[in-house]
Amino acid sequence: MTWQEKSAVEYHVLSASKLDERDKRYKAIKYLFEKGELDFIFFEMSFALDIRRGLNVLGLECPLSRNKVILSEEAIIKYYENVMKLKAEPKEEEKSYYQRRKTK
């Protein structure tokens, strides 16, 4: 997943939610995309679960961990392909240091 795909999904979700930029929920969604999680310590549990429900309605699946809502790369790619109907770039396998040195 590239940063362009992630920012496109973020823009699409925020515009589909029709929230004002000054709204607390808008800022929470931006925080979720920035950090990758909404922790119940910083956000009330009911508020974070409400954000999660809204994102699930829009088609972005955010699983729950013990005390946080998590936004995974797989969920972003799934939203990008299924809801936005765009093709995500294939994920390249990471090479070790020695494999990179062999190719030079």
N, C-alpha and C. Protein backbone atom coordinates (compact mmCIF):
# COMPACT_ATOMS: atom_id res chain seq x y z
N MET A 1 0.84 -1.17 0.00
CA MET A 1 0.00 0.00 0.00
C MET A 1 0.89 1.24 0.00
N THR A 2 0.58 2.17 -0.85
CA THR A 2 1.34 3.41 -0.92
C THR A 2 0.64 4.49 -0.11
N TRP A 3 1.36 5.57 0.14
CA TRP A 3 0.76 6.66 0.90
C TRP A 3 -0.34 7.34 0.09
N GLN A 4 -0.25 7.28 -1.25
CA GLN A 4 -1.31 7.87 -2.07
C GLN A 4 -2.62 7.11 -1.90
N GLU A 5 -2.52 5.78 -1.84
CA GLU A 5 -3.73 4.97 -1.64
C GLU A 5 -4.33 5.24 -0.27
N LYS A 6 -3.48 5.33 0.74
CA LYS A 6 -3.98 5.59 2.09
C LYS A 6 -4.63 6.96 2.18
N SER A 7 -4.01 7.97 1.59
CA SER A 7 -4.59 9.31 1.65
C SER A 7 -5.87 9.39 0.82
N ALA A 8 -5.96 8.63 -0.28
CA ALA A 8 -7.18 8.60 -1.07
C ALA A 8 -8.33 7.98 -0.28
N VAL A 9 -8.03 6.90 0.45
CA VAL A 9 -9.05 6.26 1.29
C VAL A 9 -9.47 7.21 2.41
N GLU A 10 -8.50 7.88 3.03
CA GLU A 10 -8.81 8.83 4.10
C GLU A 10 -9.72 9.94 3.58
N TYR A 11 -9.38 10.52 2.44
CA TYR A 11 -10.20 11.58 1.86
C TYR A 11 -11.59 11.07 1.53
N HIS A 12 -11.68 9.87 0.96
CA HIS A 12 -12.97 9.29 0.58
C HIS A 12 -13.84 9.05 1.80
N VAL A 13 -13.26 8.51 2.86
CA VAL A 13 -14.03 8.23 4.09
C VAL A 13 -14.50 9.53 4.72
N LEU A 14 -13.62 10.52 4.80
CA LEU A 14 -13.99 11.79 5.42
C LEU A 14 -15.05 12.52 4.61
N SER A 15 -14.98 12.46 3.30
CA SER A 15 -16.00 13.12 2.49
C SER A 15 -17.32 12.34 2.52
N ALA A 16 -17.25 11.02 2.60
CA ALA A 16 -18.47 10.21 2.67
C ALA A 16 -19.17 10.36 4.02
N SER A 17 -18.40 10.66 5.06
CA SER A 17 -19.00 10.81 6.38
C SER A 17 -19.74 12.13 6.52
N LYS A 18 -19.43 13.10 5.66
CA LYS A 18 -20.09 14.42 5.64
C LYS A 18 -20.00 15.14 6.98
N LEU A 19 -18.84 15.03 7.61
CA LEU A 19 -18.60 15.71 8.88
C LEU A 19 -17.88 17.03 8.62
N ASP A 20 -18.11 17.99 9.49
CA ASP A 20 -17.42 19.27 9.41
C ASP A 20 -16.01 19.11 9.95
N GLU A 21 -15.07 19.89 9.44
CA GLU A 21 -13.67 19.78 9.86
C GLU A 21 -13.48 20.10 11.33
N ARG A 22 -14.39 20.86 11.92
CA ARG A 22 -14.27 21.22 13.34
C ARG A 22 -14.91 20.19 14.26
N ASP A 23 -15.58 19.19 13.67
CA ASP A 23 -16.27 18.18 14.46
C ASP A 23 -15.27 17.24 15.14
N LYS A 24 -15.61 16.82 16.34
CA LYS A 24 -14.74 15.92 17.11
C LYS A 24 -14.59 14.57 16.41
N ARG A 25 -15.65 14.09 15.78
CA ARG A 25 -15.60 12.81 15.08
C ARG A 25 -14.69 12.89 13.85
N TYR A 26 -14.72 14.01 13.15
CA TYR A 26 -13.84 14.23 12.00
C TYR A 26 -12.38 14.15 12.44
N LYS A 27 -12.06 14.82 13.53
CA LYS A 27 -10.69 14.82 14.04
C LYS A 27 -10.28 13.44 14.53
N ALA A 28 -11.24 12.68 15.09
CA ALA A 28 -10.93 11.33 15.55
C ALA A 28 -10.62 10.41 14.37
N ILE A 29 -11.34 10.56 13.27
CA ILE A 29 -11.07 9.75 12.09
C ILE A 29 -9.71 10.10 11.51
N LYS A 30 -9.38 11.39 11.47
CA LYS A 30 -8.04 11.81 11.00
C LYS A 30 -6.96 11.21 11.90
N TYR A 31 -7.21 11.22 13.22
CA TYR A 31 -6.25 10.64 14.17
C TYR A 31 -6.10 9.14 13.92
N LEU A 32 -7.21 8.46 13.65
CA LEU A 32 -7.18 7.02 13.38
C LEU A 32 -6.32 6.72 12.16
N PHE A 33 -6.45 7.50 11.10
CA PHE A 33 -5.63 7.28 9.91
C PHE A 33 -4.18 7.65 10.17
N GLU A 34 -3.95 8.65 11.00
CA GLU A 34 -2.58 9.08 11.28
C GLU A 34 -1.83 8.08 12.15
N LYS A 35 -2.46 7.64 13.23
CA LYS A 35 -1.81 6.76 14.20
C LYS A 35 -2.10 5.28 13.98
N GLY A 36 -3.22 4.98 13.32
CA GLY A 36 -3.58 3.59 13.08
C GLY A 36 -4.42 2.96 14.18
N GLU A 37 -4.76 3.73 15.21
CA GLU A 37 -5.57 3.19 16.30
C GLU A 37 -6.24 4.31 17.08
N LEU A 38 -7.39 3.98 17.66
CA LEU A 38 -8.08 4.86 18.61
C LEU A 38 -8.06 4.16 19.96
N ASP A 39 -7.31 4.69 20.87
CA ASP A 39 -7.15 4.07 22.18
C ASP A 39 -8.26 4.56 23.12
N PHE A 40 -8.82 3.65 23.90
CA PHE A 40 -9.89 4.00 24.83
C PHE A 40 -9.39 4.88 25.96
N ILE A 41 -8.08 4.98 26.15
CA ILE A 41 -7.53 5.85 27.19
C ILE A 41 -7.70 7.31 26.76
N PHE A 42 -7.47 7.60 25.49
CA PHE A 42 -7.55 8.97 24.99
C PHE A 42 -8.96 9.34 24.53
N PHE A 43 -9.71 8.37 24.07
CA PHE A 43 -11.08 8.60 23.62
C PHE A 43 -12.00 7.75 24.47
N GLU A 44 -13.19 8.27 24.77
CA GLU A 44 -14.15 7.48 25.54
C GLU A 44 -14.49 6.22 24.75
N MET A 45 -14.74 5.15 25.47
CA MET A 45 -15.01 3.87 24.83
C MET A 45 -16.25 3.97 23.93
N SER A 46 -17.31 4.59 24.43
CA SER A 46 -18.53 4.70 23.62
C SER A 46 -18.30 5.55 22.37
N PHE A 47 -17.48 6.60 22.50
CA PHE A 47 -17.17 7.46 21.36
C PHE A 47 -16.37 6.69 20.31
N ALA A 48 -15.36 5.95 20.74
CA ALA A 48 -14.54 5.18 19.81
C ALA A 48 -15.35 4.08 19.13
N LEU A 49 -16.25 3.45 19.87
CA LEU A 49 -17.09 2.41 19.28
C LEU A 49 -18.09 3.02 18.29
N ASP A 50 -18.55 4.24 18.57
CA ASP A 50 -19.44 4.94 17.65
C ASP A 50 -18.71 5.25 16.34
N ILE A 51 -17.46 5.69 16.44
CA ILE A 51 -16.64 5.94 15.24
C ILE A 51 -16.47 4.64 14.46
N ARG A 52 -16.20 3.55 15.16
CA ARG A 52 -16.01 2.24 14.52
C ARG A 52 -17.28 1.81 13.79
N ARG A 53 -18.45 1.99 14.44
CA ARG A 53 -19.71 1.63 13.81
C ARG A 53 -19.94 2.43 12.52
N GLY A 54 -19.66 3.72 12.59
CA GLY A 54 -19.82 4.56 11.41
C GLY A 54 -18.91 4.15 10.27
N LEU A 55 -17.67 3.80 10.60
CA LEU A 55 -16.74 3.35 9.56
C LEU A 55 -17.16 2.02 8.97
N ASN A 56 -17.70 1.13 9.81
CA ASN A 56 -18.19 -0.15 9.30
C ASN A 56 -19.36 0.04 8.35
N VAL A 57 -20.23 1.02 8.64
CA VAL A 57 -21.35 1.31 7.75
C VAL A 57 -20.84 1.81 6.40
N LEU A 58 -19.77 2.60 6.43
CA LEU A 58 -19.19 3.10 5.18
C LEU A 58 -18.43 2.02 4.41
N GLY A 59 -18.09 0.91 5.06
CA GLY A 59 -17.40 -0.19 4.39
C GLY A 59 -15.97 -0.38 4.83
N LEU A 60 -15.51 0.40 5.79
CA LEU A 60 -14.14 0.27 6.29
C LEU A 60 -14.18 -0.53 7.59
N GLU A 61 -13.68 -1.75 7.54
CA GLU A 61 -13.74 -2.63 8.71
C GLU A 61 -12.57 -2.34 9.64
N CYS A 62 -12.89 -1.98 10.88
CA CYS A 62 -11.87 -1.69 11.89
C CYS A 62 -12.07 -2.67 13.04
N PRO A 63 -11.17 -3.62 13.20
CA PRO A 63 -11.33 -4.59 14.29
C PRO A 63 -11.04 -3.96 15.65
N LEU A 64 -11.54 -4.62 16.67
CA LEU A 64 -11.29 -4.20 18.05
C LEU A 64 -10.18 -5.03 18.65
N SER A 65 -9.32 -4.37 19.37
CA SER A 65 -8.34 -5.05 20.20
C SER A 65 -8.86 -4.96 21.63
N ARG A 66 -8.05 -5.29 22.57
CA ARG A 66 -8.48 -5.27 23.96
C ARG A 66 -9.00 -3.90 24.39
N ASN A 67 -8.27 -2.85 24.07
CA ASN A 67 -8.67 -1.52 24.53
C ASN A 67 -8.52 -0.46 23.44
N LYS A 68 -8.66 -0.86 22.18
CA LYS A 68 -8.51 0.12 21.10
C LYS A 68 -9.18 -0.36 19.82
N VAL A 69 -9.47 0.59 18.97
CA VAL A 69 -9.96 0.33 17.62
C VAL A 69 -8.75 0.43 16.70
N ILE A 70 -8.55 -0.58 15.87
CA ILE A 70 -7.34 -0.65 15.04
C ILE A 70 -7.71 -0.51 13.57
N LEU A 71 -6.90 0.25 12.85
CA LEU A 71 -7.04 0.39 11.40
C LEU A 71 -5.84 -0.30 10.75
N SER A 72 -6.09 -1.41 10.08
CA SER A 72 -4.99 -2.18 9.49
C SER A 72 -4.82 -1.84 8.01
N GLU A 73 -3.65 -2.17 7.48
CA GLU A 73 -3.39 -1.96 6.05
C GLU A 73 -4.32 -2.81 5.19
N GLU A 74 -4.63 -4.01 5.67
CA GLU A 74 -5.51 -4.90 4.92
C GLU A 74 -6.90 -4.28 4.77
N ALA A 75 -7.39 -3.63 5.84
CA ALA A 75 -8.70 -2.99 5.79
C ALA A 75 -8.70 -1.83 4.81
N ILE A 76 -7.61 -1.08 4.77
CA ILE A 76 -7.51 0.06 3.85
C ILE A 76 -7.48 -0.44 2.41
N ILE A 77 -6.71 -1.48 2.15
CA ILE A 77 -6.63 -2.04 0.79
C ILE A 77 -7.97 -2.62 0.37
N LYS A 78 -8.63 -3.30 1.28
CA LYS A 78 -9.95 -3.88 0.99
C LYS A 78 -10.95 -2.78 0.65
N TYR A 79 -10.94 -1.68 1.41
CA TYR A 79 -11.82 -0.54 1.13
C TYR A 79 -11.47 0.07 -0.22
N TYR A 80 -10.19 0.22 -0.48
CA TYR A 80 -9.71 0.81 -1.74
C TYR A 80 -10.20 0.01 -2.94
N GLU A 81 -10.16 -1.30 -2.82
CA GLU A 81 -10.54 -2.15 -3.95
C GLU A 81 -12.05 -2.39 -4.04
N ASN A 82 -12.72 -2.62 -2.90
CA ASN A 82 -14.13 -2.98 -2.93
C ASN A 82 -15.07 -1.78 -2.99
N VAL A 83 -14.79 -0.75 -2.23
CA VAL A 83 -15.70 0.39 -2.17
C VAL A 83 -15.35 1.43 -3.24
N MET A 84 -14.08 1.76 -3.34
CA MET A 84 -13.66 2.77 -4.31
C MET A 84 -13.48 2.18 -5.71
N LYS A 85 -13.48 0.86 -5.83
CA LYS A 85 -13.36 0.14 -7.11
C LYS A 85 -12.07 0.49 -7.86
N LEU A 86 -10.98 0.61 -7.11
CA LEU A 86 -9.67 0.88 -7.70
C LEU A 86 -8.74 -0.30 -7.42
N LYS A 87 -7.72 -0.45 -8.21
CA LYS A 87 -6.78 -1.56 -8.05
C LYS A 87 -5.57 -1.08 -7.25
N ALA A 88 -5.31 -1.75 -6.14
CA ALA A 88 -4.16 -1.41 -5.30
C ALA A 88 -2.89 -2.01 -5.90
N GLU A 89 -1.78 -1.31 -5.70
CA GLU A 89 -0.51 -1.83 -6.17
C GLU A 89 -0.14 -3.08 -5.37
N PRO A 90 0.44 -4.09 -6.04
CA PRO A 90 0.82 -5.30 -5.30
C PRO A 90 1.91 -5.00 -4.27
N LYS A 91 1.79 -5.67 -3.15
CA LYS A 91 2.75 -5.46 -2.07
C LYS A 91 4.03 -6.24 -2.38
N GLU A 92 5.14 -5.54 -2.33
CA GLU A 92 6.42 -6.20 -2.60
C GLU A 92 6.94 -6.86 -1.33
N GLU A 93 7.54 -8.01 -1.53
CA GLU A 93 8.11 -8.73 -0.40
C GLU A 93 9.40 -8.04 0.03
N GLU A 94 9.57 -7.87 1.33
CA GLU A 94 10.78 -7.22 1.82
C GLU A 94 11.97 -8.15 1.65
N LYS A 95 13.08 -7.56 1.22
CA LYS A 95 14.29 -8.33 1.04
C LYS A 95 15.23 -8.06 2.20
N SER A 96 15.97 -9.08 2.55
CA SER A 96 16.96 -8.90 3.61
C SER A 96 18.14 -8.11 3.08
N TYR A 97 19.00 -7.72 3.96
CA TYR A 97 20.19 -6.96 3.58
C TYR A 97 21.04 -7.75 2.59
N TYR A 98 21.20 -9.03 2.85
CA TYR A 98 22.05 -9.86 1.99
C TYR A 98 21.43 -10.07 0.61
N GLN A 99 20.12 -10.18 0.54
CA GLN A 99 19.46 -10.31 -0.76
C GLN A 99 19.60 -9.03 -1.58
N ARG A 100 19.53 -7.90 -0.92
CA ARG A 100 19.70 -6.63 -1.62
C ARG A 100 21.13 -6.48 -2.12
N ARG A 101 22.09 -6.94 -1.35
CA ARG A 101 23.50 -6.84 -1.73
C ARG A 101 23.82 -7.75 -2.92
N LYS A 102 23.13 -8.90 -3.02
CA LYS A 102 23.37 -9.83 -4.13
C LYS A 102 22.97 -9.21 -5.47
N THR A 103 21.93 -8.42 -5.48
CA THR A 103 21.43 -7.87 -6.74
C THR A 103 22.30 -6.75 -7.28
N LYS A 104 23.17 -6.20 -6.47
CA LYS A 104 24.03 -5.09 -6.93
C LYS A 104 25.23 -5.59 -7.68
